[in-house]
Structures are given as C-alpha cells and as structure tokens.
Amino acid sequence: MAHGHPKVVLFDLLTALLDSWTLWNQAAGSEEAGRRWRAKYLQLTYQCGTYQPYEDLVQQASDAVGLPRSAPETLLARWDELKPWPEAPGVLRKLQSQAVKIGVVTNCSTELGRRAAATCGVTFDVVVTAEEIGFYKPRIETYTAALRVLGVEAGDVLFVAGSSADVPGASAAGMQVVWHNRVQLAPLPGTTSPLREGRTLEEALQDFI
C-alpha cells in the first residue's frame, strides 16, 4: 500500500481518537499531575506486556506519583464522559464513505474499551482490547489480532498511532503508521518514524483520505 486509500485504517482509541487527556487531568486535579500519572501508566503498560487488569495499572500509576485514591476512582466513574477529538467523527465517516474498514486497538479492558469506542458515533468493523488478546500494546499480538478478525494482510492496513509506542509497535506488525500527536509527546528514542505526524487527525491522514 503506497500513499492513497488503504483498505483498513486502525486507530489507537484513547489518544488518537479520544481526548482522554482532559479526563485524566481533571481526575488528577491538574494538567501537571495528570501528565505525570498518565506517563507512569504508559510506562507500566509498556513494561508488563502480558495483560494485567487495566484498573489495577491505573491505580498503581496513581499511587506511584502520589495521587490520592480518589483520582483513579474519579477517572473510572466518569469514563463515559470521554469525548472524541472534534474532527474524529467526521474523519471516521469519511473513511467509511470511501469503503475503508475502520477499527480500534486499545490498551484497556473489554468493557471500558467498548464503552469508549461507542462515544465516536460510528460502528467500527473491529474493536480489539488488551484484555481480549491477553497483551498490552506495543506487543505485536495486539495489532495482529485485528488483522485476523478482518481477514486482511498487514500491508493493506494503515495504523493511526496516538502514543509514541504505537509507532514502532504497529510498524513491527508490518503496518504503515501515521501519528496523531495531539499533545506533542516525545518519540521513543531509536525507533521507527511514522510516515506522517500531525497535530490533528486530518494532518496525520492527509495523504490517505
């Protein structure tokens, strides 16, 4: 697949499609505290590989950065307040209008992942969660699970990363990757570069929709 319409576009859910940062920051009490908490959580998921309950990792990360127990409780209680980035529903509908299959691969529990995906206002062709597969991204098994469900080859798929580890993770699975880097995260040192990087979904997908 060169630049042009791919057969399938897969998305990271909680950062590429949804503004989960705002909810984490509100639960933590400030943007600075939310960023520290989220960074620790991401570190834990990257390190553990094999699935551990999402809620446990959220709690462990909160404890590690010194937040009160109320922070993860608030995050989970307000989970259904997650909202897509403003342009996300339109981008997803445009892809569907072009007969492109769409899906998400997300590092959370099955219940929370499906509830979050529902906020996007479209029906995805596949929703893959870490709990279902038994591994967290960037383990290759999480990405290839979506390929099996859809019956497609990695070369026909474009992955839209939201966090830095998705770039080498999806690349290792054989997919082409663009990065919707909304909050300007630093890339992982010494890893594969995305085909494009943008502050919005339209910028990240400019060559593909």
C-alpha atoms as a PDB file:
ATOM      1  CA  MET A   1       0.000   0.000   0.000  1.00  0.00           C
ATOM      2  CA  ALA A   2       1.504   3.289  -1.080  1.00  0.00           C
ATOM      3  CA  HIS A   3       0.046   6.682  -0.247  1.00  0.00           C
ATOM      4  CA  GLY A   4      -3.622   6.576  -1.147  1.00  0.00           C
ATOM      5  CA  HIS A   5      -6.699   4.926   0.243  1.00  0.00           C
ATOM      6  CA  PRO A   6      -5.846   1.895   2.405  1.00  0.00           C
ATOM      7  CA  LYS A   7      -8.284  -0.999   2.738  1.00  0.00           C
ATOM      8  CA  VAL A   8      -8.306  -0.696   6.520  1.00  0.00           C
ATOM      9  CA  VAL A   9      -7.460   2.088   8.957  1.00  0.00           C
ATOM     10  CA  LEU A  10      -6.914   1.067  12.576  1.00  0.00           C
ATOM     11  CA  PHE A  11      -6.715   3.621  15.356  1.00  0.00           C
ATOM     12  CA  ASP A  12      -5.358   3.854  18.816  1.00  0.00           C
ATOM     13  CA  LEU A  13      -8.534   4.710  20.708  1.00  0.00           C
ATOM     14  CA  LEU A  14      -7.747   6.634  23.868  1.00  0.00           C
ATOM     15  CA  THR A  15      -5.259   9.111  22.398  1.00  0.00           C
ATOM     16  CA  ALA A  16      -5.651   9.108  18.598  1.00  0.00           C
ATOM     17  CA  LEU A  17      -9.459   9.290  18.554  1.00  0.00           C
ATOM     18  CA  LEU A  18     -10.480  10.420  22.034  1.00  0.00           C
ATOM     19  CA  ASP A  19      -9.445  13.300  24.243  1.00  0.00           C
ATOM     20  CA  SER A  20      -8.715  11.153  27.277  1.00  0.00           C
ATOM     21  CA  TRP A  21      -6.098  13.666  28.484  1.00  0.00           C
ATOM     22  CA  THR A  22      -8.709  16.115  29.726  1.00  0.00           C
ATOM     23  CA  LEU A  23     -10.463  13.498  31.855  1.00  0.00           C
ATOM     24  CA  TRP A  24      -7.196  12.189  33.331  1.00  0.00           C
ATOM     25  CA  ASN A  25      -6.108  15.735  34.162  1.00  0.00           C
ATOM     26  CA  GLN A  26      -9.437  16.547  35.794  1.00  0.00           C
ATOM     27  CA  ALA A  27      -9.354  13.352  37.855  1.00  0.00           C
ATOM     28  CA  ALA A  28      -5.786  14.149  38.950  1.00  0.00           C
ATOM     29  CA  GLY A  29      -6.603  17.731  39.866  1.00  0.00           C
ATOM     30  CA  SER A  30      -4.320  19.492  37.384  1.00  0.00           C
ATOM     31  CA  GLU A  31      -2.709  19.081  33.975  1.00  0.00           C
ATOM     32  CA  GLU A  32       0.744  18.644  35.515  1.00  0.00           C
ATOM     33  CA  ALA A  33      -0.446  15.887  37.871  1.00  0.00           C
ATOM     34  CA  GLY A  34      -2.454  14.239  35.106  1.00  0.00           C
ATOM     35  CA  ARG A  35       0.548  14.182  32.767  1.00  0.00           C
ATOM     36  CA  ARG A  36       2.753  12.570  35.441  1.00  0.00           C
ATOM     37  CA  TRP A  37       0.093   9.993  36.201  1.00  0.00           C
ATOM     38  CA  ARG A  38      -0.517   9.186  32.550  1.00  0.00           C
ATOM     39  CA  ALA A  39       3.217   8.900  31.819  1.00  0.00           C
ATOM     40  CA  LYS A  40       3.624   6.415  34.667  1.00  0.00           C
ATOM     41  CA  TYR A  41       0.619   4.430  33.499  1.00  0.00           C
ATOM     42  CA  LEU A  42       2.012   4.221  29.965  1.00  0.00           C
ATOM     43  CA  GLN A  43       5.349   3.053  31.342  1.00  0.00           C
ATOM     44  CA  LEU A  44       3.622   0.280  33.300  1.00  0.00           C
ATOM     45  CA  THR A  45       1.644  -0.944  30.294  1.00  0.00           C
ATOM     46  CA  TYR A  46       4.711  -0.992  28.059  1.00  0.00           C
ATOM     47  CA  GLN A  47       6.677  -2.943  30.641  1.00  0.00           C
ATOM     48  CA  CYS A  48       4.087  -5.511  31.678  1.00  0.00           C
ATOM     49  CA  GLY A  49       3.262  -6.838  28.204  1.00  0.00           C
ATOM     50  CA  THR A  50       1.008  -9.636  29.439  1.00  0.00           C
ATOM     51  CA  TYR A  51      -2.386  -8.280  30.403  1.00  0.00           C
ATOM     52  CA  GLN A  52      -2.983  -7.221  33.958  1.00  0.00           C
ATOM     53  CA  PRO A  53      -6.310  -5.615  34.839  1.00  0.00           C
ATOM     54  CA  TYR A  54      -6.420  -2.118  33.402  1.00  0.00           C
ATOM     55  CA  GLU A  55      -7.924  -0.715  36.559  1.00  0.00           C
ATOM     56  CA  ASP A  56      -5.019  -2.140  38.588  1.00  0.00           C
ATOM     57  CA  LEU A  57      -2.429  -0.421  36.402  1.00  0.00           C
ATOM     58  CA  VAL A  58      -4.303   2.872  36.616  1.00  0.00           C
ATOM     59  CA  GLN A  59      -4.280   2.534  40.406  1.00  0.00           C
ATOM     60  CA  GLN A  60      -0.609   1.528  40.550  1.00  0.00           C
ATOM     61  CA  ALA A  61       0.370   4.522  38.432  1.00  0.00           C
ATOM     62  CA  SER A  62      -1.686   6.846  40.622  1.00  0.00           C
ATOM     63  CA  ASP A  63      -0.047   5.514  43.773  1.00  0.00           C
ATOM     64  CA  ALA A  64       3.419   5.763  42.216  1.00  0.00           C
ATOM     65  CA  VAL A  65       3.079   9.500  41.524  1.00  0.00           C
ATOM     66  CA  GLY A  66       1.479  10.261  44.881  1.00  0.00           C
ATOM     67  CA  LEU A  67      -2.112  10.961  43.870  1.00  0.00           C
ATOM     68  CA  PRO A  68      -4.993  10.276  46.249  1.00  0.00           C
ATOM     69  CA  ARG A  69      -7.119   7.176  45.846  1.00  0.00           C
ATOM     70  CA  SER A  70      -9.914   9.399  44.650  1.00  0.00           C
ATOM     71  CA  ALA A  71      -8.078  10.058  41.345  1.00  0.00           C
ATOM     72  CA  PRO A  72      -8.487   6.616  39.720  1.00  0.00           C
ATOM     73  CA  GLU A  73     -11.937   6.268  41.266  1.00  0.00           C
ATOM     74  CA  THR A  74     -12.963   9.534  39.630  1.00  0.00           C
ATOM     75  CA  LEU A  75     -11.456   8.540  36.279  1.00  0.00           C
ATOM     76  CA  LEU A  76     -13.394   5.297  36.132  1.00  0.00           C
ATOM     77  CA  ALA A  77     -16.611   6.811  37.493  1.00  0.00           C
ATOM     78  CA  ARG A  78     -16.526   9.487  34.782  1.00  0.00           C
ATOM     79  CA  TRP A  79     -15.383   7.170  31.981  1.00  0.00           C
ATOM     80  CA  ASP A  80     -18.477   7.765  29.861  1.00  0.00           C
ATOM     81  CA  GLU A  81     -17.614  11.482  29.725  1.00  0.00           C
ATOM     82  CA  LEU A  82     -14.783  10.696  27.286  1.00  0.00           C
ATOM     83  CA  LYS A  83     -15.236  12.596  24.051  1.00  0.00           C
ATOM     84  CA  PRO A  84     -13.701  12.240  20.593  1.00  0.00           C
ATOM     85  CA  TRP A  85     -11.424  14.938  19.254  1.00  0.00           C
ATOM     86  CA  PRO A  86     -13.639  17.429  17.366  1.00  0.00           C
ATOM     87  CA  GLU A  87     -12.693  16.204  13.890  1.00  0.00           C
ATOM     88  CA  ALA A  88     -12.727  12.471  14.709  1.00  0.00           C
ATOM     89  CA  PRO A  89     -16.362  11.589  13.871  1.00  0.00           C
ATOM     90  CA  GLY A  90     -16.122  13.353  10.513  1.00  0.00           C
ATOM     91  CA  VAL A  91     -12.849  11.625   9.635  1.00  0.00           C
ATOM     92  CA  LEU A  92     -14.297   8.225  10.535  1.00  0.00           C
ATOM     93  CA  ARG A  93     -17.434   8.817   8.476  1.00  0.00           C
ATOM     94  CA  LYS A  94     -15.358   9.983   5.518  1.00  0.00           C
ATOM     95  CA  LEU A  95     -13.317   6.775   5.625  1.00  0.00           C
ATOM     96  CA  GLN A  96     -16.493   4.711   5.751  1.00  0.00           C
ATOM     97  CA  SER A  97     -17.878   6.628   2.767  1.00  0.00           C
ATOM     98  CA  GLN A  98     -14.762   5.560   0.852  1.00  0.00           C
ATOM     99  CA  ALA A  99     -15.477   1.878   1.699  1.00  0.00           C
ATOM    100  CA  VAL A 100     -12.491   1.769   4.059  1.00  0.00           C
ATOM    101  CA  LYS A 101     -12.893  -0.535   7.054  1.00  0.00           C
ATOM    102  CA  ILE A 102     -12.155   1.094  10.401  1.00  0.00           C
ATOM    103  CA  GLY A 103     -11.240  -0.325  13.785  1.00  0.00           C
ATOM    104  CA  VAL A 104      -9.526   0.350  17.080  1.00  0.00           C
ATOM    105  CA  VAL A 105      -6.817  -1.416  19.050  1.00  0.00           C
ATOM    106  CA  THR A 106      -6.785  -0.203  22.638  1.00  0.00           C
ATOM    107  CA  ASN A 107      -4.912  -0.797  25.871  1.00  0.00           C
ATOM    108  CA  CYS A 108      -7.791  -1.222  28.279  1.00  0.00           C
ATOM    109  CA  SER A 109     -10.392  -3.677  29.481  1.00  0.00           C
ATOM    110  CA  THR A 110     -13.021  -5.013  27.116  1.00  0.00           C
ATOM    111  CA  GLU A 111     -15.877  -3.241  28.886  1.00  0.00           C
ATOM    112  CA  LEU A 112     -14.146   0.139  29.072  1.00  0.00           C
ATOM    113  CA  GLY A 113     -12.829  -0.159  25.521  1.00  0.00           C
ATOM    114  CA  ARG A 114     -16.246  -0.796  24.024  1.00  0.00           C
ATOM    115  CA  ARG A 115     -17.835   1.989  26.058  1.00  0.00           C
ATOM    116  CA  ALA A 116     -15.139   4.388  24.907  1.00  0.00           C
ATOM    117  CA  ALA A 117     -15.426   3.308  21.268  1.00  0.00           C
ATOM    118  CA  ALA A 118     -19.166   3.974  21.379  1.00  0.00           C
ATOM    119  CA  THR A 119     -18.529   7.679  22.030  1.00  0.00           C
ATOM    120  CA  CYS A 120     -17.157   8.063  18.482  1.00  0.00           C
ATOM    121  CA  GLY A 121     -20.634   7.848  16.969  1.00  0.00           C
ATOM    122  CA  VAL A 122     -19.807   5.205  14.334  1.00  0.00           C
ATOM    123  CA  THR A 123     -19.871   1.426  14.118  1.00  0.00           C
ATOM    124  CA  PHE A 124     -16.342   0.039  13.931  1.00  0.00           C
ATOM    125  CA  ASP A 125     -15.551  -3.083  11.937  1.00  0.00           C
ATOM    126  CA  VAL A 126     -13.358  -4.325  14.778  1.00  0.00           C
ATOM    127  CA  VAL A 127     -12.634  -3.314  18.369  1.00  0.00           C
ATOM    128  CA  VAL A 128      -9.642  -5.098  19.907  1.00  0.00           C
ATOM    129  CA  THR A 129      -8.815  -4.646  23.578  1.00  0.00           C
ATOM    130  CA  ALA A 130      -5.761  -5.703  25.555  1.00  0.00           C
ATOM    131  CA  GLU A 131      -7.932  -7.776  27.857  1.00  0.00           C
ATOM    132  CA  GLU A 132      -9.326  -9.854  24.985  1.00  0.00           C
ATOM    133  CA  ILE A 133      -5.907 -10.544  23.482  1.00  0.00           C
ATOM    134  CA  GLY A 134      -4.041 -11.018  26.746  1.00  0.00           C
ATOM    135  CA  PHE A 135      -1.319  -8.469  25.987  1.00  0.00           C
ATOM    136  CA  TYR A 136      -0.822  -4.729  26.068  1.00  0.00           C
ATOM    137  CA  LYS A 137       0.489  -2.733  23.166  1.00  0.00           C
ATOM    138  CA  PRO A 138       3.127  -2.451  21.847  1.00  0.00           C
ATOM    139  CA  ARG A 139       3.218  -6.272  21.882  1.00  0.00           C
ATOM    140  CA  ILE A 140       2.740  -7.376  18.288  1.00  0.00           C
ATOM    141  CA  GLU A 141      -0.103  -9.742  19.229  1.00  0.00           C
ATOM    142  CA  THR A 142      -2.451  -6.831  19.877  1.00  0.00           C
ATOM    143  CA  TYR A 143      -2.071  -5.445  16.367  1.00  0.00           C
ATOM    144  CA  THR A 144      -2.148  -8.769  14.530  1.00  0.00           C
ATOM    145  CA  ALA A 145      -5.349  -9.767  16.335  1.00  0.00           C
ATOM    146  CA  ALA A 146      -7.200  -7.080  14.390  1.00  0.00           C
ATOM    147  CA  LEU A 147      -5.763  -8.425  11.135  1.00  0.00           C
ATOM    148  CA  ARG A 148      -7.086 -11.903  11.906  1.00  0.00           C
ATOM    149  CA  VAL A 149     -10.565 -10.627  12.706  1.00  0.00           C
ATOM    150  CA  LEU A 150     -10.755  -8.616   9.475  1.00  0.00           C
ATOM    151  CA  GLY A 151      -9.000 -11.211   7.324  1.00  0.00           C
ATOM    152  CA  VAL A 152      -6.516  -8.734   5.842  1.00  0.00           C
ATOM    153  CA  GLU A 153      -2.762  -8.521   5.416  1.00  0.00           C
ATOM    154  CA  ALA A 154      -0.686  -6.003   7.349  1.00  0.00           C
ATOM    155  CA  GLY A 155       0.372  -4.318   4.122  1.00  0.00           C
ATOM    156  CA  ASP A 156      -3.227  -3.302   3.443  1.00  0.00           C
ATOM    157  CA  VAL A 157      -3.564  -1.552   6.800  1.00  0.00           C
ATOM    158  CA  LEU A 158      -2.740   1.942   7.971  1.00  0.00           C
ATOM    159  CA  PHE A 159      -2.417   2.386  11.733  1.00  0.00           C
ATOM    160  CA  VAL A 160      -3.049   5.770  13.349  1.00  0.00           C
ATOM    161  CA  ALA A 161      -0.911   5.947  16.472  1.00  0.00           C
ATOM    162  CA  GLY A 162      -1.819   8.072  19.439  1.00  0.00           C
ATOM    163  CA  SER A 163       1.062   7.345  21.799  1.00  0.00           C
ATOM    164  CA  SER A 164       4.722   7.048  20.929  1.00  0.00           C
ATOM    165  CA  ALA A 165       4.991   3.278  21.452  1.00  0.00           C
ATOM    166  CA  ASP A 166       2.293   2.615  18.856  1.00  0.00           C
ATOM    167  CA  VAL A 167       4.632   3.833  16.123  1.00  0.00           C
ATOM    168  CA  PRO A 168       7.256   1.059  16.467  1.00  0.00           C
ATOM    169  CA  GLY A 169       4.626  -1.408  17.688  1.00  0.00           C
ATOM    170  CA  ALA A 170       2.365  -1.233  14.639  1.00  0.00           C
ATOM    171  CA  SER A 171       5.382  -0.906  12.340  1.00  0.00           C
ATOM    172  CA  ALA A 172       6.766  -4.167  13.723  1.00  0.00           C
ATOM    173  CA  ALA A 173       3.462  -5.813  12.834  1.00  0.00           C
ATOM    174  CA  GLY A 174       4.026  -4.781   9.200  1.00  0.00           C
ATOM    175  CA  MET A 175       1.574  -1.887   9.059  1.00  0.00           C
ATOM    176  CA  GLN A 176       2.238   1.584   7.735  1.00  0.00           C
ATOM    177  CA  VAL A 177       1.871   4.107  10.533  1.00  0.00           C
ATOM    178  CA  VAL A 178       0.959   7.751  10.932  1.00  0.00           C
ATOM    179  CA  TRP A 179       0.981   9.544  14.274  1.00  0.00           C
ATOM    180  CA  HIS A 180      -1.762  11.830  15.536  1.00  0.00           C
ATOM    181  CA  ASN A 181       0.434  13.508  18.126  1.00  0.00           C
ATOM    182  CA  ARG A 182      -2.131  15.929  19.541  1.00  0.00           C
ATOM    183  CA  VAL A 183      -0.323  16.717  22.788  1.00  0.00           C
ATOM    184  CA  GLN A 184       3.205  16.669  21.349  1.00  0.00           C
ATOM    185  CA  LEU A 185       4.566  13.553  23.038  1.00  0.00           C
ATOM    186  CA  ALA A 186       8.251  12.778  22.544  1.00  0.00           C
ATOM    187  CA  PRO A 187       9.049   9.850  20.220  1.00  0.00           C
ATOM    188  CA  LEU A 188      10.669   6.776  21.701  1.00  0.00           C
ATOM    189  CA  PRO A 189      14.429   7.042  21.104  1.00  0.00           C
ATOM    190  CA  GLY A 190      15.850   4.911  18.318  1.00  0.00           C
ATOM    191  CA  THR A 191      12.502   3.745  16.936  1.00  0.00           C
ATOM    192  CA  THR A 192      10.826   3.803  13.544  1.00  0.00           C
ATOM    193  CA  SER A 193       9.498   7.140  12.350  1.00  0.00           C
ATOM    194  CA  PRO A 194       5.864   7.437  11.207  1.00  0.00           C
ATOM    195  CA  LEU A 195       5.003   8.233   7.597  1.00  0.00           C
ATOM    196  CA  ARG A 196       3.388  11.432   8.832  1.00  0.00           C
ATOM    197  CA  GLU A 197       2.945  13.194  12.160  1.00  0.00           C
ATOM    198  CA  GLY A 198       0.199  15.743  12.742  1.00  0.00           C
ATOM    199  CA  ARG A 199      -1.460  17.743  15.495  1.00  0.00           C
ATOM    200  CA  THR A 200      -4.891  16.779  14.111  1.00  0.00           C
ATOM    201  CA  LEU A 201      -6.302  13.656  12.514  1.00  0.00           C
ATOM    202  CA  GLU A 202      -6.648  15.479   9.177  1.00  0.00           C
ATOM    203  CA  GLU A 203      -2.959  16.393   9.237  1.00  0.00           C
ATOM    204  CA  ALA A 204      -1.879  12.869  10.160  1.00  0.00           C
ATOM    205  CA  LEU A 205      -4.085  11.328   7.459  1.00  0.00           C
ATOM    206  CA  GLN A 206      -3.509  13.992   4.819  1.00  0.00           C
ATOM    207  CA  ASP A 207      -2.045  11.617   2.232  1.00  0.00           C
ATOM    208  CA  PHE A 208      -4.583   8.846   2.847  1.00  0.00           C
ATOM    209  CA  ILE A 209      -8.108  10.310   2.808  1.00  0.00           C
END
